[in-house]
N, C-alpha and C. Protein backbone atom coordinates (compact mmCIF):
# COMPACT_ATOMS: atom_id res chain seq x y z
N MET A 1 -1.21 103.93 87.20
CA MET A 1 -2.83 103.62 87.65
C MET A 1 -2.56 102.34 87.94
N PRO A 2 -3.43 101.86 88.76
CA PRO A 2 -3.76 100.44 88.52
C PRO A 2 -4.16 99.49 87.24
N ARG A 3 -4.02 98.91 86.92
CA ARG A 3 -4.68 98.03 86.09
C ARG A 3 -5.63 97.77 85.19
N PHE A 4 -6.45 97.86 86.94
CA PHE A 4 -8.03 97.56 86.84
C PHE A 4 -8.77 98.54 86.09
N SER A 5 -7.63 99.99 86.93
CA SER A 5 -8.85 100.97 86.29
C SER A 5 -8.30 101.72 85.33
N ARG A 6 -7.41 100.98 84.46
CA ARG A 6 -7.32 101.25 82.68
C ARG A 6 -8.24 100.24 82.46
N VAL A 7 -8.72 99.55 82.52
CA VAL A 7 -9.76 98.21 81.86
C VAL A 7 -10.66 98.82 82.31
N ALA A 8 -11.18 99.57 83.13
CA ALA A 8 -12.49 99.65 83.06
C ALA A 8 -13.13 101.18 82.93
N LYS A 9 -11.77 102.17 81.80
CA LYS A 9 -11.80 103.07 81.52
C LYS A 9 -12.20 103.21 79.83
N ASN A 10 -11.30 101.25 79.66
CA ASN A 10 -11.78 101.04 78.47
C ASN A 10 -12.38 100.63 78.02
N ARG A 11 -13.70 99.95 78.67
CA ARG A 11 -14.66 99.09 78.63
C ARG A 11 -15.95 100.35 77.96
N PRO A 12 -15.74 101.82 78.39
CA PRO A 12 -17.30 102.51 77.75
C PRO A 12 -16.43 102.08 75.91
N GLN A 13 -15.51 102.62 75.41
CA GLN A 13 -14.57 102.53 74.43
C GLN A 13 -14.84 101.28 73.52
N ALA A 14 -14.80 99.86 74.43
CA ALA A 14 -14.91 98.83 73.81
C ALA A 14 -16.32 98.64 73.56
N ARG A 15 -17.38 98.99 74.68
CA ARG A 15 -18.77 98.56 74.00
C ARG A 15 -19.42 99.43 73.44
N THR A 16 -18.60 100.50 72.81
CA THR A 16 -18.61 101.63 71.79
C THR A 16 -18.21 100.78 70.86
N LEU A 17 -17.47 100.19 70.68
CA LEU A 17 -16.31 99.63 69.07
C LEU A 17 -17.38 98.79 69.09
N ALA A 18 -17.73 98.08 70.01
CA ALA A 18 -18.60 95.82 69.83
C ALA A 18 -19.86 96.72 68.91
N THR A 19 -20.82 97.83 69.42
CA THR A 19 -22.24 98.36 68.66
C THR A 19 -21.88 98.45 67.51
N LYS A 20 -20.77 99.90 67.28
CA LYS A 20 -20.79 100.05 65.53
C LYS A 20 -20.32 99.36 64.97
N ALA A 21 -19.39 97.86 65.59
CA ALA A 21 -19.23 96.95 65.06
C ALA A 21 -20.55 95.81 64.43
N LYS A 22 -21.19 96.11 65.00
CA LYS A 22 -22.78 95.27 65.04
C LYS A 22 -23.95 96.06 63.83
N LEU A 23 -23.74 97.32 64.12
CA LEU A 23 -24.47 97.97 63.44
C LEU A 23 -23.96 98.21 61.89
N LEU A 24 -22.60 98.36 61.86
CA LEU A 24 -22.41 97.77 60.28
C LEU A 24 -22.65 96.75 59.36
N ASP A 25 -22.39 95.84 60.74
CA ASP A 25 -22.51 94.31 59.99
C ASP A 25 -24.38 94.29 58.98
N ALA A 26 -25.10 94.98 60.02
CA ALA A 26 -26.20 94.83 59.86
C ALA A 26 -26.68 95.64 58.71
N ALA A 27 -26.31 96.78 58.30
CA ALA A 27 -25.98 97.74 57.83
C ALA A 27 -25.75 96.60 56.34
N GLN A 28 -24.55 96.67 56.14
CA GLN A 28 -24.20 95.66 55.46
C GLN A 28 -25.34 94.69 54.19
N ALA A 29 -25.81 93.83 55.28
CA ALA A 29 -26.38 93.21 55.17
C ALA A 29 -27.70 93.47 54.64
N LEU A 30 -28.78 94.55 55.43
CA LEU A 30 -29.71 94.90 54.58
C LEU A 30 -29.49 96.22 53.43
N PHE A 31 -27.91 96.99 52.75
CA PHE A 31 -28.07 97.75 51.89
C PHE A 31 -27.71 96.47 50.64
N ALA A 32 -26.94 95.18 51.41
CA ALA A 32 -26.99 94.71 49.89
C ALA A 32 -28.53 94.19 49.78
N GLU A 33 -29.27 93.76 50.61
CA GLU A 33 -30.69 92.98 50.18
C GLU A 33 -31.94 94.12 49.67
N GLN A 34 -31.50 95.61 50.07
CA GLN A 34 -33.09 96.55 49.53
C GLN A 34 -32.41 97.60 48.94
N GLY A 35 -31.00 97.64 48.96
CA GLY A 35 -30.64 98.76 48.03
C GLY A 35 -30.27 99.76 49.19
N PHE A 36 -29.52 100.97 49.01
CA PHE A 36 -29.12 102.02 49.75
C PHE A 36 -30.75 103.09 50.17
N GLU A 37 -31.48 103.74 49.14
CA GLU A 37 -32.40 104.59 48.81
C GLU A 37 -33.46 103.91 49.81
N LYS A 38 -33.60 102.51 49.40
CA LYS A 38 -34.56 102.14 50.30
C LYS A 38 -34.55 101.56 51.68
N THR A 39 -33.39 101.27 52.33
CA THR A 39 -33.17 100.85 53.73
C THR A 39 -32.82 102.32 54.51
N GLN A 40 -33.89 102.49 55.82
CA GLN A 40 -33.60 103.23 56.74
C GLN A 40 -32.75 102.72 57.57
N LEU A 41 -32.66 103.57 58.70
CA LEU A 41 -31.81 103.44 60.25
C LEU A 41 -32.81 102.85 61.13
N GLU A 42 -33.70 102.79 61.19
CA GLU A 42 -34.29 102.30 62.29
C GLU A 42 -34.64 101.16 61.78
N GLU A 43 -34.25 100.55 61.02
CA GLU A 43 -34.56 98.86 60.37
C GLU A 43 -33.13 98.16 60.91
N VAL A 44 -31.54 99.22 60.53
CA VAL A 44 -30.74 98.95 60.61
C VAL A 44 -30.44 98.69 62.18
N ALA A 45 -30.96 99.27 62.76
CA ALA A 45 -31.24 99.37 64.31
C ALA A 45 -31.63 98.14 64.70
N ALA A 46 -32.95 97.69 63.97
CA ALA A 46 -33.39 96.35 64.06
C ALA A 46 -32.76 95.26 64.21
N ARG A 47 -32.55 95.79 62.72
CA ARG A 47 -31.64 93.90 62.74
C ARG A 47 -30.19 93.99 63.33
N ALA A 48 -29.79 95.12 64.27
CA ALA A 48 -28.21 94.52 65.12
C ALA A 48 -28.84 94.74 66.13
N GLY A 49 -30.70 94.67 66.85
CA GLY A 49 -30.40 94.10 67.98
C GLY A 49 -30.73 95.64 68.97
N TYR A 50 -30.94 96.69 68.07
CA TYR A 50 -31.22 98.03 69.29
C TYR A 50 -31.69 99.18 69.15
N SER A 51 -31.91 99.89 69.93
CA SER A 51 -32.99 100.97 69.69
C SER A 51 -32.50 101.84 68.51
N ARG A 52 -34.16 102.35 68.20
CA ARG A 52 -33.87 104.11 67.39
C ARG A 52 -33.29 104.53 67.90
N GLY A 53 -32.85 104.77 69.43
CA GLY A 53 -31.75 105.85 70.31
C GLY A 53 -30.35 105.33 69.98
N ALA A 54 -30.25 104.26 70.06
CA ALA A 54 -28.86 103.44 70.05
C ALA A 54 -27.90 103.42 68.61
N ILE A 55 -28.78 104.22 67.25
CA ILE A 55 -28.02 104.11 66.07
C ILE A 55 -27.92 105.36 65.94
N TYR A 56 -29.07 106.45 66.21
CA TYR A 56 -29.18 107.94 66.17
C TYR A 56 -27.40 108.71 67.27
N ALA A 57 -26.84 107.56 68.37
CA ALA A 57 -26.28 108.07 69.03
C ALA A 57 -24.40 107.73 68.73
N HIS A 58 -24.52 107.41 67.38
CA HIS A 58 -23.49 107.02 67.03
C HIS A 58 -23.48 107.56 65.34
N TYR A 59 -24.42 107.61 64.29
CA TYR A 59 -24.57 108.45 63.00
C TYR A 59 -25.87 108.93 62.98
N SER A 60 -25.28 110.28 62.50
CA SER A 60 -26.33 111.59 62.71
C SER A 60 -27.92 111.04 61.28
N SER A 61 -27.15 110.08 60.38
CA SER A 61 -27.96 110.20 59.02
C SER A 61 -27.32 109.16 58.22
N LYS A 62 -28.05 108.19 57.37
CA LYS A 62 -28.03 106.73 57.07
C LYS A 62 -27.04 107.39 55.65
N GLU A 63 -26.42 108.93 55.70
CA GLU A 63 -25.69 109.01 54.78
C GLU A 63 -24.17 108.46 55.49
N ASP A 64 -24.12 108.95 56.49
CA ASP A 64 -22.87 109.34 57.42
C ASP A 64 -22.32 107.53 57.61
N LEU A 65 -23.66 106.87 57.78
CA LEU A 65 -23.44 105.57 58.45
C LEU A 65 -22.76 104.24 57.07
N PHE A 66 -23.51 104.78 55.81
CA PHE A 66 -23.09 104.33 54.85
C PHE A 66 -21.85 104.43 54.30
N LEU A 67 -20.94 106.09 54.58
CA LEU A 67 -19.71 106.32 54.30
C LEU A 67 -18.84 105.97 55.15
N GLU A 68 -18.64 105.47 56.34
CA GLU A 68 -18.13 104.66 57.16
C GLU A 68 -17.93 103.49 57.09
N LEU A 69 -19.39 103.00 56.86
CA LEU A 69 -19.01 100.92 56.41
C LEU A 69 -18.65 101.16 54.72
N MET A 70 -18.36 102.07 54.22
CA MET A 70 -17.27 102.18 52.73
C MET A 70 -16.24 101.74 52.87
N GLU A 71 -15.99 102.80 54.05
CA GLU A 71 -14.57 103.25 54.24
C GLU A 71 -13.71 101.79 55.16
N HIS A 72 -15.20 101.21 55.73
CA HIS A 72 -14.08 100.07 56.94
C HIS A 72 -14.19 98.79 55.95
N ARG A 73 -14.64 99.03 54.88
CA ARG A 73 -14.54 98.11 53.41
C ARG A 73 -14.02 97.56 53.23
N VAL A 74 -13.47 99.52 52.57
CA VAL A 74 -12.15 99.39 51.53
C VAL A 74 -11.19 98.69 52.24
N HIS A 75 -10.88 99.86 54.08
CA HIS A 75 -9.58 99.57 53.95
C HIS A 75 -9.48 98.20 55.07
N THR A 76 -10.40 97.86 55.25
CA THR A 76 -9.98 95.69 55.40
C THR A 76 -9.40 95.01 54.39
N LYS A 77 -10.58 95.24 53.66
CA LYS A 77 -10.30 94.83 52.19
C LYS A 77 -9.27 94.84 51.39
N PHE A 78 -8.72 96.40 51.47
CA PHE A 78 -7.31 96.40 50.75
C PHE A 78 -6.28 96.81 51.56
N ALA A 79 -6.19 95.96 53.14
CA ALA A 79 -5.28 95.80 54.09
C ALA A 79 -4.58 94.53 53.82
N ILE A 80 -5.96 93.29 53.21
CA ILE A 80 -5.14 91.95 53.28
C ILE A 80 -4.20 91.74 52.03
N VAL A 81 -4.73 92.24 50.59
CA VAL A 81 -4.16 92.45 49.08
C VAL A 81 -3.06 93.61 49.66
N ARG A 82 -2.71 94.37 50.60
CA ARG A 82 -1.48 95.08 50.23
C ARG A 82 -0.45 94.20 50.91
N GLY A 83 -1.14 93.49 51.75
CA GLY A 83 -0.01 91.95 52.75
C GLY A 83 0.58 91.64 51.90
N GLN A 84 -0.56 90.99 50.94
CA GLN A 84 -0.17 90.08 49.52
C GLN A 84 0.62 90.64 48.80
N ILE A 85 0.58 91.63 48.62
CA ILE A 85 1.63 92.33 47.17
C ILE A 85 2.72 92.60 47.55
N ASP A 86 3.07 92.83 49.44
CA ASP A 86 3.82 93.19 49.91
C ASP A 86 4.90 92.04 50.27
N ASN A 87 4.24 91.09 50.43
CA ASN A 87 5.05 90.20 50.42
C ASN A 87 5.38 89.01 49.43
N GLU A 88 5.27 89.84 47.78
CA GLU A 88 5.46 88.55 46.77
C GLU A 88 6.44 89.61 46.19
N PRO A 89 7.72 88.96 46.19
CA PRO A 89 8.96 88.99 45.98
C PRO A 89 9.05 89.78 44.45
N ASP A 90 8.84 89.09 43.98
CA ASP A 90 8.56 88.94 42.37
C ASP A 90 7.58 90.27 42.37
N ILE A 91 8.30 91.32 41.79
CA ILE A 91 7.56 92.44 41.54
C ILE A 91 6.92 92.64 40.01
N SER A 92 7.16 91.50 39.64
CA SER A 92 5.85 91.65 37.96
C SER A 92 4.80 90.48 37.84
N LYS A 93 5.34 89.79 39.47
CA LYS A 93 3.64 89.56 39.73
C LYS A 93 2.98 90.29 40.25
N ARG A 94 3.03 91.18 40.85
CA ARG A 94 2.22 92.30 41.81
C ARG A 94 1.50 92.88 41.31
N PRO A 95 1.33 93.60 40.23
CA PRO A 95 -0.29 93.86 39.71
C PRO A 95 -0.86 92.94 39.19
N ALA A 96 -0.80 92.03 39.28
CA ALA A 96 -1.74 90.55 38.76
C ALA A 96 -2.59 90.40 40.19
N ILE A 97 -1.81 90.91 41.36
CA ILE A 97 -2.38 90.11 42.49
C ILE A 97 -3.55 91.55 42.86
N PHE A 98 -2.91 92.33 42.62
CA PHE A 98 -4.02 93.62 42.82
C PHE A 98 -5.25 93.72 41.68
N LYS A 99 -4.38 93.23 40.60
CA LYS A 99 -5.61 93.32 39.09
C LYS A 99 -7.00 92.33 40.04
N ARG A 100 -6.38 91.32 39.82
CA ARG A 100 -8.02 90.04 40.49
C ARG A 100 -8.50 90.67 41.76
N TRP A 101 -7.81 91.49 42.98
CA TRP A 101 -8.41 92.17 43.33
C TRP A 101 -9.46 92.93 43.59
N MET A 102 -9.09 94.35 42.48
CA MET A 102 -9.75 94.90 41.93
C MET A 102 -11.04 94.73 41.35
N ALA A 103 -10.87 93.98 40.55
CA ALA A 103 -11.88 93.06 40.00
C ALA A 103 -13.27 92.02 40.62
N ARG A 104 -12.41 92.11 41.72
CA ARG A 104 -13.69 90.91 42.77
C ARG A 104 -14.12 92.12 43.24
N GLN A 105 -13.52 93.46 43.64
CA GLN A 105 -14.30 93.63 44.92
C GLN A 105 -15.75 94.62 43.87
N ILE A 106 -15.43 95.40 42.43
CA ILE A 106 -16.23 95.38 41.79
C ILE A 106 -17.20 95.04 41.09
N CYS A 107 -16.78 94.12 40.73
CA CYS A 107 -18.10 92.98 40.62
C CYS A 107 -19.15 91.82 41.17
N ASP A 108 -18.50 92.68 42.76
CA ASP A 108 -19.09 91.65 43.46
C ASP A 108 -20.83 92.09 43.28
N PRO A 109 -21.88 91.29 43.16
CA PRO A 109 -22.61 91.71 42.89
C PRO A 109 -23.80 92.30 43.82
N ALA A 110 -23.04 92.72 45.18
CA ALA A 110 -24.55 92.94 45.73
C ALA A 110 -22.90 94.60 45.66
N TRP A 111 -22.16 94.34 46.10
CA TRP A 111 -21.57 95.70 46.65
C TRP A 111 -21.49 96.50 45.22
N GLY A 112 -20.79 96.13 43.98
CA GLY A 112 -20.66 96.54 43.36
C GLY A 112 -21.35 97.45 42.91
N THR A 113 -23.50 96.99 43.01
CA THR A 113 -23.95 97.98 42.62
C THR A 113 -24.52 98.78 43.41
N LEU A 114 -24.90 98.31 45.01
CA LEU A 114 -25.09 99.36 45.95
C LEU A 114 -23.96 100.53 45.54
N THR A 115 -22.63 100.82 45.67
CA THR A 115 -21.49 101.35 45.57
C THR A 115 -21.90 102.15 44.29
N LEU A 116 -22.18 102.00 43.32
CA LEU A 116 -22.98 102.86 42.16
C LEU A 116 -24.03 102.98 42.51
N GLU A 117 -24.97 102.31 43.41
CA GLU A 117 -26.23 103.71 43.30
C GLU A 117 -25.74 104.34 44.10
N PHE A 118 -25.16 104.33 45.49
CA PHE A 118 -24.74 105.61 46.76
C PHE A 118 -24.20 106.92 45.92
N LYS A 119 -23.02 106.29 44.67
CA LYS A 119 -22.23 107.12 43.53
C LYS A 119 -23.41 107.78 43.07
N LEU A 120 -24.45 107.71 42.30
CA LEU A 120 -25.18 108.33 41.38
C LEU A 120 -26.46 109.30 43.12
N TYR A 121 -26.44 108.84 43.50
CA TYR A 121 -27.28 109.50 44.83
C TYR A 121 -26.64 110.53 45.30
N ALA A 122 -25.19 110.90 45.46
CA ALA A 122 -24.85 111.82 46.05
C ALA A 122 -24.52 112.75 44.95
N ILE A 123 -24.58 112.60 43.27
CA ILE A 123 -24.33 113.56 42.58
C ILE A 123 -25.19 114.80 42.69
N ARG A 124 -26.57 114.54 43.00
CA ARG A 124 -27.21 115.99 43.01
C ARG A 124 -27.36 116.28 44.66
N ARG A 125 -26.31 115.55 45.18
CA ARG A 125 -26.25 116.43 46.78
C ARG A 125 -24.68 116.96 46.64
N PRO A 126 -24.63 118.07 46.69
CA PRO A 126 -23.00 119.13 47.19
C PRO A 126 -22.17 118.31 48.74
N ARG A 127 -22.71 118.30 49.35
CA ARG A 127 -22.68 118.70 50.84
C ARG A 127 -21.44 116.49 50.27
N LEU A 128 -22.78 115.69 50.60
CA LEU A 128 -22.69 114.22 50.38
C LEU A 128 -21.69 114.17 49.14
N ARG A 129 -21.55 114.51 48.36
CA ARG A 129 -20.65 114.55 47.24
C ARG A 129 -19.36 114.73 47.65
N GLU A 130 -18.97 115.76 48.30
CA GLU A 130 -17.60 116.44 48.97
C GLU A 130 -17.36 114.99 49.67
N LYS A 131 -18.09 114.97 51.18
CA LYS A 131 -17.97 113.65 51.70
C LYS A 131 -17.41 112.55 51.09
N LEU A 132 -18.14 112.13 50.16
CA LEU A 132 -17.21 110.80 49.21
C LEU A 132 -16.11 111.33 48.46
N LEU A 133 -15.83 112.29 47.63
CA LEU A 133 -14.42 113.15 47.92
C LEU A 133 -13.48 112.78 48.55
N LYS A 134 -13.96 113.51 49.52
CA LYS A 134 -12.45 113.08 50.30
C LYS A 134 -12.31 111.50 51.14
N LEU A 135 -13.49 111.13 51.13
CA LEU A 135 -12.94 109.59 51.86
C LEU A 135 -12.48 108.62 50.78
N TYR A 136 -12.53 109.32 49.14
CA TYR A 136 -11.53 108.77 48.32
C TYR A 136 -10.56 109.06 48.18
N GLU A 137 -10.05 110.50 48.63
CA GLU A 137 -8.89 111.10 48.77
C GLU A 137 -7.96 110.67 49.80
N ALA A 138 -8.66 110.61 50.58
CA ALA A 138 -7.83 110.31 52.12
C ALA A 138 -7.49 108.71 52.10
N PHE A 139 -8.79 107.95 51.19
CA PHE A 139 -7.51 106.14 50.61
C PHE A 139 -6.66 106.85 50.01
N LEU A 140 -6.30 107.20 49.23
CA LEU A 140 -5.25 107.15 48.43
C LEU A 140 -4.00 107.94 48.76
N LYS A 141 -3.75 108.71 49.59
CA LYS A 141 -3.45 109.37 50.77
C LYS A 141 -3.06 108.45 51.48
N ASP A 142 -3.71 107.68 52.13
CA ASP A 142 -3.21 106.79 53.06
C ASP A 142 -2.76 105.27 53.32
N ALA A 143 -3.76 104.74 52.80
CA ALA A 143 -3.38 103.30 52.40
C ALA A 143 -3.47 102.90 51.01
N GLY A 144 -3.04 104.06 50.21
CA GLY A 144 -2.78 103.65 48.90
C GLY A 144 -1.92 104.49 48.65
N LYS A 145 -0.85 104.65 48.88
CA LYS A 145 -0.01 105.34 49.54
C LYS A 145 1.73 105.02 48.57
N ASP A 146 1.67 105.24 48.01
CA ASP A 146 2.84 104.72 46.56
C ASP A 146 2.70 103.33 46.29
N LEU A 147 1.01 103.25 46.47
CA LEU A 147 0.92 102.26 45.99
C LEU A 147 1.30 101.88 44.16
N VAL A 148 1.43 102.41 43.21
CA VAL A 148 1.84 102.71 41.65
C VAL A 148 3.40 102.18 41.71
N GLU A 149 4.26 102.41 42.66
CA GLU A 149 5.86 102.35 42.91
C GLU A 149 5.46 100.26 43.67
N VAL A 150 4.85 100.29 44.06
CA VAL A 150 4.65 99.37 44.94
C VAL A 150 4.19 98.39 43.90
N LEU A 151 3.41 98.73 43.02
CA LEU A 151 3.20 97.32 42.23
C LEU A 151 3.94 97.30 40.58
N PHE A 152 4.85 98.76 40.07
CA PHE A 152 5.54 98.67 39.38
C PHE A 152 6.90 99.08 39.32
N GLY A 153 6.84 99.29 41.00
CA GLY A 153 8.84 99.50 40.76
C GLY A 153 8.94 100.81 40.82
N LYS A 154 10.25 101.13 41.34
CA LYS A 154 11.22 102.71 41.57
C LYS A 154 11.31 103.09 40.06
N GLY A 155 11.28 102.47 39.31
CA GLY A 155 12.83 102.90 37.80
C GLY A 155 11.15 103.47 37.29
N LEU A 156 9.94 103.90 37.74
CA LEU A 156 8.82 104.53 36.42
C LEU A 156 9.69 106.14 35.95
N SER A 157 9.56 106.78 35.04
CA SER A 157 9.91 108.32 34.84
C SER A 157 8.38 108.88 36.05
N LYS A 158 9.04 110.35 35.76
CA LYS A 158 8.00 110.90 36.86
C LYS A 158 6.82 110.97 35.88
N ALA A 159 7.07 111.27 34.61
CA ALA A 159 5.44 111.66 33.92
C ALA A 159 4.99 110.00 33.97
N ARG A 160 5.34 109.23 33.54
CA ARG A 160 4.69 107.71 33.51
C ARG A 160 4.29 107.23 34.73
N ARG A 161 4.79 107.96 35.86
CA ARG A 161 3.98 107.59 37.73
C ARG A 161 3.19 108.83 38.00
N THR A 162 3.15 109.61 37.17
CA THR A 162 2.02 110.74 37.53
C THR A 162 0.69 110.13 36.82
N LEU A 163 1.13 109.83 35.80
CA LEU A 163 -0.42 109.25 34.65
C LEU A 163 -0.55 107.96 35.46
N LEU A 164 0.16 107.11 35.84
CA LEU A 164 -0.23 105.87 36.14
C LEU A 164 -0.81 106.28 37.80
N ASP A 165 -0.33 107.29 38.63
CA ASP A 165 -1.32 107.27 39.90
C ASP A 165 -2.79 108.01 38.98
N ARG A 166 -2.76 108.75 38.54
CA ARG A 166 -4.20 109.59 38.23
C ARG A 166 -5.04 107.83 37.86
N ARG A 167 -4.73 107.25 36.69
CA ARG A 167 -5.16 106.45 36.08
C ARG A 167 -5.61 105.54 37.64
N LEU A 168 -5.04 105.14 38.20
CA LEU A 168 -5.46 104.47 39.39
C LEU A 168 -6.34 105.16 40.25
N ALA A 169 -6.61 106.31 40.40
CA ALA A 169 -8.00 106.94 41.32
C ALA A 169 -8.53 107.04 39.86
N VAL A 170 -8.69 107.00 38.99
CA VAL A 170 -10.13 107.09 38.37
C VAL A 170 -10.65 105.51 38.44
N MET A 171 -9.72 104.24 38.48
CA MET A 171 -9.75 102.95 38.02
C MET A 171 -11.67 102.23 38.55
N SER A 172 -11.96 103.11 39.76
CA SER A 172 -13.01 102.50 40.12
C SER A 172 -14.45 103.00 39.47
N GLY A 173 -13.56 104.42 38.79
CA GLY A 173 -14.90 105.04 38.52
C GLY A 173 -15.41 104.27 36.73
N ALA A 174 -14.12 103.63 36.48
CA ALA A 174 -14.56 103.10 35.05
C ALA A 174 -14.93 101.71 35.10
N LEU A 175 -14.53 101.17 36.30
CA LEU A 175 -15.27 99.82 36.28
C LEU A 175 -16.28 100.21 36.61
N SER A 176 -17.01 100.80 37.58
CA SER A 176 -18.16 100.61 38.13
C SER A 176 -19.01 101.45 36.44
N GLY A 177 -18.42 101.96 35.61
CA GLY A 177 -19.36 101.91 34.26
C GLY A 177 -19.49 100.72 33.68
N LEU A 178 -19.07 99.69 34.24
CA LEU A 178 -18.77 98.56 33.21
C LEU A 178 -19.72 97.81 34.11
N VAL A 179 -19.94 97.49 35.07
CA VAL A 179 -20.99 97.17 36.48
C VAL A 179 -22.90 97.64 36.03
N LEU A 180 -22.53 99.20 35.99
CA LEU A 180 -23.59 99.74 35.30
C LEU A 180 -23.78 99.14 33.87
N GLU A 181 -22.97 99.40 32.90
CA GLU A 181 -23.59 98.97 31.56
C GLU A 181 -24.28 96.90 31.93
N SER A 182 -23.93 96.54 32.66
CA SER A 182 -23.76 94.93 32.33
C SER A 182 -25.28 94.90 32.97
N HIS A 183 -26.27 95.79 33.56
CA HIS A 183 -27.51 95.57 33.95
C HIS A 183 -28.53 96.16 32.43
N PHE A 184 -27.69 97.19 31.82
CA PHE A 184 -28.46 97.35 30.78
C PHE A 184 -28.31 96.26 29.32
N ARG A 185 -27.12 95.93 29.71
CA ARG A 185 -26.85 95.42 28.66
C ARG A 185 -26.30 93.61 28.66
N PRO A 186 -26.70 93.09 29.37
CA PRO A 186 -25.98 92.14 29.87
C PRO A 186 -25.92 90.68 28.83
N SER A 187 -26.64 90.67 27.96
CA SER A 187 -25.75 90.00 26.06
C SER A 187 -24.55 90.19 25.72
N LEU A 188 -24.42 91.49 26.27
CA LEU A 188 -22.74 92.32 25.90
C LEU A 188 -22.00 91.79 26.68
N LEU A 189 -22.52 92.14 28.45
CA LEU A 189 -22.00 91.93 29.71
C LEU A 189 -22.52 90.91 30.52
N PRO A 190 -22.11 89.81 30.13
CA PRO A 190 -22.93 88.29 30.99
C PRO A 190 -22.10 88.87 32.04
N PRO A 191 -23.05 88.35 33.26
CA PRO A 191 -22.77 88.27 34.62
C PRO A 191 -21.16 87.65 34.92
N ASN A 192 -21.09 86.35 34.22
CA ASN A 192 -20.25 85.30 34.45
C ASN A 192 -18.85 85.45 33.91
N HIS A 193 -18.73 87.19 33.09
CA HIS A 193 -17.92 87.68 32.36
C HIS A 193 -17.36 88.84 32.47
N LEU A 194 -18.02 89.57 34.01
CA LEU A 194 -17.50 90.72 34.14
C LEU A 194 -16.16 90.85 34.55
N GLN A 195 -16.06 89.71 35.88
CA GLN A 195 -14.86 89.91 36.22
C GLN A 195 -13.73 89.86 35.14
N GLN A 196 -13.69 88.97 33.95
CA GLN A 196 -12.86 88.97 33.21
C GLN A 196 -12.99 90.40 32.60
N LEU A 197 -13.93 90.92 32.25
CA LEU A 197 -13.59 92.68 31.26
C LEU A 197 -13.18 93.24 31.77
N ALA A 198 -13.13 93.26 33.51
CA ALA A 198 -12.58 94.29 34.25
C ALA A 198 -11.46 94.02 34.55
N GLU A 199 -10.76 92.79 34.32
CA GLU A 199 -9.54 92.44 34.53
C GLU A 199 -8.59 93.14 33.32
N GLU A 200 -9.42 92.63 32.32
CA GLU A 200 -8.94 93.28 30.63
C GLU A 200 -8.86 94.75 31.01
N LEU A 201 -9.84 95.23 31.47
CA LEU A 201 -9.64 97.17 30.97
C LEU A 201 -8.89 97.30 32.36
N PHE A 202 -8.97 96.94 33.44
CA PHE A 202 -7.45 97.11 34.06
C PHE A 202 -5.57 96.99 33.18
N GLU A 203 -6.24 96.27 33.10
CA GLU A 203 -4.42 95.39 31.71
C GLU A 203 -4.47 97.05 30.59
N ALA A 204 -5.79 97.28 30.35
CA ALA A 204 -5.30 97.88 29.36
C ALA A 204 -4.87 99.37 29.72
N LEU A 205 -5.34 100.13 30.81
CA LEU A 205 -5.48 101.21 31.62
C LEU A 205 -3.89 101.61 32.51
N MET A 206 -3.41 99.94 32.77
CA MET A 206 -2.25 100.30 33.75
C MET A 206 -0.66 99.84 33.32
N GLN A 207 -0.90 99.73 31.90
CA GLN A 207 -0.14 99.53 30.80
C GLN A 207 1.50 100.72 31.77
N PRO A 208 2.67 99.58 32.41
CA PRO A 208 3.07 100.36 33.09
C PRO A 208 4.16 100.89 32.26
N ASN A 209 4.43 100.83 30.40
CA ASN A 209 5.23 101.46 29.58
C ASN A 209 4.88 102.02 28.66
């Protein structure tokens, strides 16, 4: 097949990817500014410079848009820290790299609260809750595969590895609770100390021995 034919064939796909990238950028900005429930798909389309029809061509609902944004954001950011972890030859230093990264994600003043808002929104919507659960499970199976082994080495007992795998899976939930409490008890959990507290919680839960 001539080269120009392959390029022409890929143009629609490239346009689709470019459109979705702009929509995701606009969605992230609006969700951070207004929160999940207040933001409307039409507003996202307008912020990205597209029509109402354009966004509905890619997303059937605001929930689907948010889930894709969450997946894209987590995978993109995790790929960076996973590379840093894999490139650290001293395995004793790897947990600290992951600890700092995870605490920063949760304690992000906009995204941490936004993620918590979406989780609470999904609780009373079984189909959405199931979608969110599947997203987390897919991430742990794919991007997070063998993460405990990468962080703590291959010498862990089967029981200890299973325990750390389980604790890693619920870590984001535990840290989300910390973010929630910080909104209601700022004197006890001040914003400028939140990341430090998140790191301490990580250390308490993820002791390798």
